[in-house]
C-alpha atoms as a PDB file:
ATOM      1  CA  MET A   1       0.098   0.298  -0.030  1.00  0.00           C
ATOM      2  CA  LYS A   2       2.801   2.495   0.784  1.00  0.00           C
ATOM      3  CA  GLU A   3       4.197   2.115  -2.864  1.00  0.00           C
ATOM      4  CA  TRP A   4       1.057   2.407  -4.144  1.00  0.00           C
ATOM      5  CA  GLN A   5      -0.046   5.949  -2.135  1.00  0.00           C
ATOM      6  CA  MET A   6       3.890   7.101  -3.240  1.00  0.00           C
ATOM      7  CA  ILE A   7       2.715   6.859  -6.668  1.00  0.00           C
ATOM      8  CA  LEU A   8      -0.791   8.620  -6.462  1.00  0.00           C
ATOM      9  CA  ASP A   9       1.093  11.107  -4.389  1.00  0.00           C
ATOM     10  CA  ALA A  10       3.564  12.204  -7.162  1.00  0.00           C
ATOM     11  CA  TYR A  11       1.236  11.925  -9.867  1.00  0.00           C
ATOM     12  CA  ASN A  12      -0.608  14.654  -7.671  1.00  0.00           C
ATOM     13  CA  LYS A  13       2.492  16.575  -6.916  1.00  0.00           C
ATOM     14  CA  GLU A  14       3.943  16.397 -10.660  1.00  0.00           C
ATOM     15  CA  VAL A  15       0.711  16.576 -12.627  1.00  0.00           C
ATOM     16  CA  ASP A  16      -2.399  17.593 -10.587  1.00  0.00           C
ATOM     17  CA  SER A  17      -2.787  18.395  -7.369  1.00  0.00           C
ATOM     18  CA  SER A  18      -6.597  18.647  -7.522  1.00  0.00           C
ATOM     19  CA  TYR A  19      -7.177  14.863  -9.192  1.00  0.00           C
ATOM     20  CA  LYS A  20      -9.033  12.819  -6.437  1.00  0.00           C
ATOM     21  CA  PHE A  21      -8.169   9.133  -6.552  1.00  0.00           C
ATOM     22  CA  ASP A  22     -10.959   6.593  -5.667  1.00  0.00           C
ATOM     23  CA  GLU A  23     -10.012   5.064  -2.394  1.00  0.00           C
ATOM     24  CA  ILE A  24     -13.174   2.593  -2.279  1.00  0.00           C
ATOM     25  CA  MET A  25     -11.315  -0.153  -2.507  1.00  0.00           C
ATOM     26  CA  PRO A  26      -7.513  -0.391  -1.820  1.00  0.00           C
ATOM     27  CA  PRO A  27      -5.525  -0.915  -5.326  1.00  0.00           C
ATOM     28  CA  THR A  28      -4.160  -4.286  -4.337  1.00  0.00           C
ATOM     29  CA  GLN A  29      -7.292  -5.885  -3.854  1.00  0.00           C
ATOM     30  CA  GLY A  30      -9.352  -5.482  -6.956  1.00  0.00           C
ATOM     31  CA  TYR A  31     -12.992  -4.096  -6.577  1.00  0.00           C
ATOM     32  CA  LYS A  32     -16.436  -5.209  -6.928  1.00  0.00           C
ATOM     33  CA  PHE A  33     -19.060  -4.352  -9.626  1.00  0.00           C
ATOM     34  CA  ASN A  34     -21.795  -4.897  -7.096  1.00  0.00           C
ATOM     35  CA  GLU A  35     -22.382  -5.443  -3.332  1.00  0.00           C
ATOM     36  CA  ALA A  36     -23.583  -9.241  -4.073  1.00  0.00           C
ATOM     37  CA  GLY A  37     -20.430  -9.827  -6.522  1.00  0.00           C
ATOM     38  CA  ALA A  38     -17.384 -11.029  -5.500  1.00  0.00           C
ATOM     39  CA  GLN A  39     -14.200  -9.358  -6.687  1.00  0.00           C
ATOM     40  CA  PRO A  40     -13.760 -10.528 -10.378  1.00  0.00           C
ATOM     41  CA  TYR A  41      -9.684 -10.996  -9.799  1.00  0.00           C
ATOM     42  CA  TYR A  42      -6.943 -10.974  -7.069  1.00  0.00           C
ATOM     43  CA  ALA A  43      -3.001 -10.129  -8.029  1.00  0.00           C
ATOM     44  CA  LYS A  44      -0.146 -12.534  -7.796  1.00  0.00           C
ATOM     45  CA  VAL A  45       2.843 -13.459  -8.914  1.00  0.00           C
ATOM     46  CA  SER A  46       2.621 -15.273 -12.493  1.00  0.00           C
ATOM     47  CA  ASP A  47       4.994 -18.001 -13.907  1.00  0.00           C
ATOM     48  CA  GLY A  48       7.236 -16.448 -16.541  1.00  0.00           C
ATOM     49  CA  LYS A  49       5.160 -13.167 -16.510  1.00  0.00           C
ATOM     50  CA  HIS A  50       5.992 -11.528 -13.060  1.00  0.00           C
ATOM     51  CA  ARG A  51       3.046 -10.421 -11.497  1.00  0.00           C
ATOM     52  CA  GLY A  52      -0.716 -10.861 -12.975  1.00  0.00           C
ATOM     53  CA  LEU A  53      -4.508 -11.018 -12.544  1.00  0.00           C
ATOM     54  CA  PHE A  54      -5.987 -14.319 -11.494  1.00  0.00           C
ATOM     55  CA  ALA A  55      -9.910 -15.262 -11.705  1.00  0.00           C
ATOM     56  CA  SER A  56     -11.224 -15.148  -8.263  1.00  0.00           C
ATOM     57  CA  ARG A  57     -14.030 -16.823  -9.026  1.00  0.00           C
ATOM     58  CA  ASP A  58     -15.781 -18.621 -11.931  1.00  0.00           C
ATOM     59  CA  ILE A  59     -16.661 -15.701 -15.063  1.00  0.00           C
ATOM     60  CA  ARG A  60     -18.658 -16.389 -17.727  1.00  0.00           C
ATOM     61  CA  LYS A  61     -18.117 -15.571 -21.245  1.00  0.00           C
ATOM     62  CA  GLY A  62     -19.677 -12.076 -22.041  1.00  0.00           C
ATOM     63  CA  GLU A  63     -19.182 -10.855 -18.362  1.00  0.00           C
ATOM     64  CA  VAL A  64     -17.399  -7.809 -17.575  1.00  0.00           C
ATOM     65  CA  VAL A  65     -13.990  -8.373 -16.367  1.00  0.00           C
ATOM     66  CA  HIS A  66     -12.806  -4.754 -15.771  1.00  0.00           C
ATOM     67  CA  ASP A  67     -14.586  -1.336 -16.029  1.00  0.00           C
ATOM     68  CA  GLY A  68     -11.684   1.081 -16.522  1.00  0.00           C
ATOM     69  CA  THR A  69     -13.867   3.650 -17.852  1.00  0.00           C
ATOM     70  CA  HIS A  70     -12.951   5.840 -14.626  1.00  0.00           C
ATOM     71  CA  LEU A  71      -9.872   4.447 -13.226  1.00  0.00           C
ATOM     72  CA  GLY A  72      -7.371   5.610 -15.579  1.00  0.00           C
ATOM     73  CA  VAL A  73      -5.326   9.015 -15.783  1.00  0.00           C
ATOM     74  CA  ALA A  74      -4.640  10.740 -19.107  1.00  0.00           C
ATOM     75  CA  PHE A  75      -1.560  13.023 -19.041  1.00  0.00           C
ATOM     76  CA  PRO A  76      -2.108  16.606 -20.463  1.00  0.00           C
ATOM     77  CA  ASP A  77       1.320  16.402 -22.153  1.00  0.00           C
ATOM     78  CA  ALA A  78       4.597  14.459 -22.165  1.00  0.00           C
ATOM     79  CA  LYS A  79       6.199  16.962 -20.291  1.00  0.00           C
ATOM     80  CA  ALA A  80       3.662  15.830 -17.273  1.00  0.00           C
ATOM     81  CA  TYR A  81       4.150  12.340 -17.945  1.00  0.00           C
ATOM     82  CA  ARG A  82       8.345  12.785 -17.646  1.00  0.00           C
ATOM     83  CA  ARG A  83       8.009  15.116 -14.523  1.00  0.00           C
ATOM     84  CA  PHE A  84       5.711  12.276 -12.750  1.00  0.00           C
ATOM     85  CA  VAL A  85       7.919   9.229 -13.812  1.00  0.00           C
ATOM     86  CA  PHE A  86      11.254  11.025 -12.867  1.00  0.00           C
ATOM     87  CA  ALA A  87       9.855  12.213  -9.826  1.00  0.00           C
ATOM     88  CA  LEU A  88       9.508   8.175  -8.890  1.00  0.00           C
ATOM     89  CA  PRO A  89      12.780   5.801  -7.523  1.00  0.00           C
ATOM     90  CA  ARG A  90      13.902   3.638 -10.825  1.00  0.00           C
ATOM     91  CA  ARG A  91      12.120   0.664  -9.909  1.00  0.00           C
ATOM     92  CA  THR A  92       8.721   2.201  -9.455  1.00  0.00           C
ATOM     93  CA  ALA A  93       9.639   4.230 -12.710  1.00  0.00           C
ATOM     94  CA  CYS A  94       9.948   1.045 -14.836  1.00  0.00           C
ATOM     95  CA  ASP A  95       7.089  -0.441 -13.601  1.00  0.00           C
ATOM     96  CA  ILE A  96       5.042   2.857 -14.576  1.00  0.00           C
ATOM     97  CA  THR A  97       6.663   2.767 -17.903  1.00  0.00           C
ATOM     98  CA  GLU A  98       5.249  -0.796 -18.483  1.00  0.00           C
ATOM     99  CA  TRP A  99       1.842   0.030 -17.515  1.00  0.00           C
ATOM    100  CA  THR A 100       1.681   3.186 -19.414  1.00  0.00           C
ATOM    101  CA  TRP A 101      -0.335   2.719 -22.653  1.00  0.00           C
ATOM    102  CA  THR A 102      -1.963   5.301 -25.744  1.00  0.00           C
ATOM    103  CA  GLN A 103      -5.362   5.535 -26.375  1.00  0.00           C
ATOM    104  CA  ARG A 104      -8.042   7.731 -27.897  1.00  0.00           C
ATOM    105  CA  LEU A 105     -10.733   9.029 -25.541  1.00  0.00           C
ATOM    106  CA  ASP A 106     -12.861  10.397 -28.360  1.00  0.00           C
ATOM    107  CA  GLN A 107     -13.209   8.886 -31.468  1.00  0.00           C
ATOM    108  CA  ASN A 108     -11.456  11.777 -33.048  1.00  0.00           C
ATOM    109  CA  GLY A 109      -9.652  12.880 -30.486  1.00  0.00           C
ATOM    110  CA  SER A 110      -5.678  13.060 -29.990  1.00  0.00           C
ATOM    111  CA  THR A 111      -4.001  10.206 -28.501  1.00  0.00           C
ATOM    112  CA  ARG A 112      -3.264  10.460 -25.031  1.00  0.00           C
ATOM    113  CA  ILE A 113      -0.719   8.976 -22.690  1.00  0.00           C
ATOM    114  CA  MET A 114      -2.696   6.799 -20.347  1.00  0.00           C
ATOM    115  CA  LEU A 115      -2.291   5.243 -16.752  1.00  0.00           C
ATOM    116  CA  THR A 116      -4.182   3.069 -14.144  1.00  0.00           C
ATOM    117  CA  ILE A 117      -2.613   3.356 -11.067  1.00  0.00           C
ATOM    118  CA  ASN A 118      -4.669   0.210  -9.162  1.00  0.00           C
ATOM    119  CA  ILE A 119      -4.533  -3.490  -9.727  1.00  0.00           C
ATOM    120  CA  SER A 120      -5.507  -3.374 -12.985  1.00  0.00           C
ATOM    121  CA  ALA A 121      -2.137  -2.653 -14.151  1.00  0.00           C
ATOM    122  CA  MET A 122      -1.019  -6.114 -13.399  1.00  0.00           C
ATOM    123  CA  LEU A 123      -3.143  -7.421 -16.399  1.00  0.00           C
ATOM    124  CA  SER A 124      -0.523  -9.224 -18.466  1.00  0.00           C
ATOM    125  CA  MET A 125      -0.562  -9.978 -22.273  1.00  0.00           C
ATOM    126  CA  GLY A 126      -1.137 -13.527 -23.264  1.00  0.00           C
ATOM    127  CA  PHE A 127       1.638 -14.952 -25.646  1.00  0.00           C
ATOM    128  CA  THR A 128      -0.973 -16.577 -28.009  1.00  0.00           C
ATOM    129  CA  SER A 129      -4.497 -15.821 -29.170  1.00  0.00           C
ATOM    130  CA  GLU A 130      -5.778 -18.958 -27.419  1.00  0.00           C
ATOM    131  CA  GLU A 131      -4.019 -17.843 -24.309  1.00  0.00           C
ATOM    132  CA  VAL A 132      -6.315 -14.177 -24.553  1.00  0.00           C
ATOM    133  CA  ASN A 133      -9.434 -14.474 -22.097  1.00  0.00           C
ATOM    134  CA  VAL A 134     -10.600 -10.764 -21.898  1.00  0.00           C
ATOM    135  CA  LEU A 135     -10.715  -7.531 -24.476  1.00  0.00           C
ATOM    136  CA  PRO A 136     -11.946  -4.884 -24.780  1.00  0.00           C
ATOM    137  CA  GLU A 137     -15.495  -4.089 -25.759  1.00  0.00           C
ATOM    138  CA  SER A 138     -14.505  -3.598 -29.819  1.00  0.00           C
ATOM    139  CA  GLU A 139     -11.550  -5.077 -31.195  1.00  0.00           C
ATOM    140  CA  SER A 140     -11.514  -2.238 -33.475  1.00  0.00           C
ATOM    141  CA  GLU A 141      -8.273   0.137 -33.434  1.00  0.00           C
ATOM    142  CA  SER A 142     -10.475   3.389 -33.264  1.00  0.00           C
ATOM    143  CA  SER A 143     -12.056   2.223 -30.333  1.00  0.00           C
ATOM    144  CA  THR A 144     -12.176   3.967 -27.143  1.00  0.00           C
ATOM    145  CA  SER A 145     -13.663   1.808 -24.716  1.00  0.00           C
ATOM    146  CA  GLN A 146     -12.042   0.448 -21.561  1.00  0.00           C
ATOM    147  CA  MET A 147     -14.771  -2.058 -20.738  1.00  0.00           C
ATOM    148  CA  TYR A 148     -12.630  -5.410 -20.709  1.00  0.00           C
ATOM    149  CA  TYR A 149     -15.050  -8.681 -21.578  1.00  0.00           C
ATOM    150  CA  ALA A 150     -14.404 -12.615 -21.008  1.00  0.00           C
ATOM    151  CA  THR A 151     -14.213 -14.264 -24.737  1.00  0.00           C
ATOM    152  CA  ARG A 152     -14.597 -17.235 -23.200  1.00  0.00           C
ATOM    153  CA  ASP A 153     -15.652 -18.945 -19.517  1.00  0.00           C
ATOM    154  CA  ILE A 154     -12.574 -18.300 -17.225  1.00  0.00           C
ATOM    155  CA  LYS A 155     -12.409 -20.450 -14.569  1.00  0.00           C
ATOM    156  CA  ARG A 156     -11.553 -19.563 -10.958  1.00  0.00           C
ATOM    157  CA  GLY A 157      -7.521 -19.229 -10.246  1.00  0.00           C
ATOM    158  CA  GLU A 158      -7.012 -18.903 -14.225  1.00  0.00           C
ATOM    159  CA  GLU A 159      -4.556 -16.106 -15.168  1.00  0.00           C
ATOM    160  CA  ILE A 160      -6.804 -13.229 -16.914  1.00  0.00           C
ATOM    161  CA  LEU A 161      -4.760 -12.110 -20.071  1.00  0.00           C
ATOM    162  CA  THR A 162      -5.536  -9.856 -22.875  1.00  0.00           C
ATOM    163  CA  ASP A 163      -3.903  -8.861 -26.111  1.00  0.00           C
ATOM    164  CA  SER A 164      -2.605  -5.386 -27.057  1.00  0.00           C
ATOM    165  CA  ASN A 165      -2.493  -6.097 -30.903  1.00  0.00           C
ATOM    166  CA  PHE A 166      -5.424  -5.039 -31.910  1.00  0.00           C
ATOM    167  CA  ARG A 167      -4.958  -1.769 -30.879  1.00  0.00           C
ATOM    168  CA  ASP A 168      -1.766   0.592 -30.978  1.00  0.00           C
ATOM    169  CA  TRP A 169      -1.428   0.476 -27.287  1.00  0.00           C
ATOM    170  CA  THR A 170       2.151   2.184 -27.547  1.00  0.00           C
ATOM    171  CA  ASN A 171       1.481   4.571 -30.330  1.00  0.00           C
ATOM    172  CA  PHE A 172       3.929   7.023 -28.548  1.00  0.00           C
ATOM    173  CA  ALA A 173       5.169   8.536 -31.377  1.00  0.00           C
ATOM    174  CA  ALA A 174       1.169   9.824 -31.977  1.00  0.00           C
ATOM    175  CA  THR A 175       1.983  11.731 -28.522  1.00  0.00           C
ATOM    176  CA  ASP A 176       4.100  14.597 -28.077  1.00  0.00           C
ATOM    177  CA  LEU A 177       6.210  12.104 -26.081  1.00  0.00           C
ATOM    178  CA  GLY A 178       8.027  11.191 -29.162  1.00  0.00           C
ATOM    179  CA  MET A 179       9.105   7.664 -28.752  1.00  0.00           C
ATOM    180  CA  TYR A 180       8.483   4.341 -30.383  1.00  0.00           C
ATOM    181  CA  MET A 181       8.154   0.944 -28.213  1.00  0.00           C
END
């Protein structure tokens, strides 16, 4: 929890002092979609993939697994992103760069640098299409959705994996960051 709070504090100090993070659920514990439902996932060390997310219960095909609509922060520009990253300890900064992606928030809007500062940042990529079990609402590159759905039934304890190849998640050249991944 201490490291998460340090990250949140750095964001407030370096990027936006007025931004308020939701504190309904600690960022290491996942969240519930409603009071009756169990958390859809939890974080733990994954074989060969470092940290990952695992199903805390059986999840049915088509079920919402993650709603990132209001969980990510969009950096106003590359300068703010750099200030934020360089304000963090080296190891944490490395994690942050792994959790960062690019996305349009509006259909015709500009590409923004995005970051989720909670447990969903641990979502790993599948190595094959057969491994992938969660994808955003639309698989089109122009999609602005941050709703992730199960593409097949997921068993309790199974790792939750997505695929970033259908979208240009690392199009940092389209931002003013000016780098290629």
